[in-house]
Protein backbone atom coordinates (compact mmCIF):
# COMPACT_ATOMS: atom_id res chain seq x y z
CA UNK A 1 103.13 70.90 440.61
CA UNK A 2 103.62 74.28 439.04
CA UNK A 3 101.05 77.01 439.27
CA UNK A 4 99.18 77.71 436.06
CA UNK A 5 99.79 81.11 434.57
CA UNK A 6 96.92 83.15 433.26
CA UNK A 7 97.66 83.33 429.55
CA UNK A 8 94.57 85.34 428.67
CA UNK A 9 95.29 88.90 427.59
CA UNK A 10 93.92 91.64 429.86
CA UNK A 11 90.28 92.43 429.14
CA UNK A 12 89.89 96.16 428.40
CA UNK A 13 86.35 96.25 429.82
CA UNK A 14 87.52 94.58 433.03
CA UNK A 15 90.41 97.05 433.30
CA UNK A 16 88.08 100.00 432.73
CA UNK A 17 85.66 98.82 435.42
CA UNK A 18 88.49 98.19 437.88
CA UNK A 19 90.09 101.60 437.24
CA UNK A 20 86.78 103.38 437.69
CA UNK A 21 85.90 101.46 440.86
CA UNK A 22 89.28 102.33 442.34
CA UNK A 23 88.67 106.00 441.48
CA UNK A 24 85.17 105.76 442.98
CA UNK A 25 86.59 104.53 446.30
CA UNK A 26 89.31 107.21 446.26
CA UNK A 27 86.65 109.86 445.68
CA UNK A 28 84.65 108.57 448.65
CA UNK A 29 87.56 109.70 450.82
CA UNK A 30 86.84 107.18 453.58
CA UNK A 31 83.05 107.32 453.42
CA UNK A 32 81.29 103.99 453.03
CA UNK A 33 79.42 103.34 449.78
CA UNK A 34 75.78 102.32 449.61
CA UNK A 35 73.81 100.25 447.07
CA UNK A 36 76.83 99.80 444.81
CA UNK A 37 75.46 96.77 442.99
CA UNK A 38 72.28 98.53 441.92
CA UNK A 39 74.22 101.67 440.95
CA UNK A 40 76.72 99.74 438.83
CA UNK A 41 74.10 97.62 437.10
CA UNK A 42 72.17 100.73 436.09
CA UNK A 43 75.33 102.48 434.90
CA UNK A 44 76.46 99.52 432.81
CA UNK A 45 73.08 98.41 431.45
CA UNK A 46 72.13 101.63 429.71
CA UNK A 47 75.17 101.93 427.42
CA UNK A 48 75.13 98.15 426.92
CA UNK A 49 71.54 98.26 425.67
CA UNK A 50 72.11 101.41 423.60
CA UNK A 51 75.03 99.88 421.74
CA UNK A 52 73.56 96.40 421.35
CA UNK A 53 70.29 97.84 420.01
CA UNK A 54 72.23 100.02 417.57
CA UNK A 55 74.37 97.10 416.40
CA UNK A 56 71.26 94.89 416.07
CA UNK A 57 69.63 97.57 413.89
CA UNK A 58 66.88 98.09 416.45
CA UNK A 59 65.84 94.43 416.23
CA UNK A 60 64.82 93.54 419.79
CA UNK A 61 64.67 89.80 419.12
CA UNK A 62 68.23 89.80 417.80
CA UNK A 63 69.46 92.05 420.63
CA UNK A 64 67.83 89.84 423.26
CA UNK A 65 69.44 86.78 421.71
CA UNK A 66 72.87 88.46 421.70
CA UNK A 67 72.40 89.46 425.35
CA UNK A 68 71.14 86.03 426.35
CA UNK A 69 67.93 87.41 427.82
CA UNK A 70 64.24 87.08 427.03
CA UNK A 71 62.84 89.69 424.61
CA UNK A 72 60.22 90.73 427.19
CA UNK A 73 63.01 91.30 429.72
CA UNK A 74 64.87 93.41 427.17
CA UNK A 75 61.75 95.48 426.47
CA UNK A 76 61.21 96.09 430.19
CA UNK A 77 64.83 97.10 430.70
CA UNK A 78 64.76 99.38 427.65
CA UNK A 79 61.73 101.11 429.17
CA UNK A 80 63.44 101.27 432.60
CA UNK A 81 66.33 103.16 430.95
CA UNK A 82 64.01 105.33 428.81
CA UNK A 83 65.35 103.68 425.67
CA UNK A 84 62.12 102.07 424.48
């Protein structure tokens, strides 16, 4: 059996995240990171919600549908990021 090749083109968002995580670890200069998951989620969510809300014309129902989350969850997260 031959190994399957990944024929999907590189994802620019994936590449951006990877490059920035590698830079983050370089900048730590040997120190161990803490609470990375929470930090990354907060850093990614805010611009995600800003752009999705803009593209949805401020329509929270449409934005929540696009994001695959409940509208109440979107409202809470918008408030968490001072976007609501």
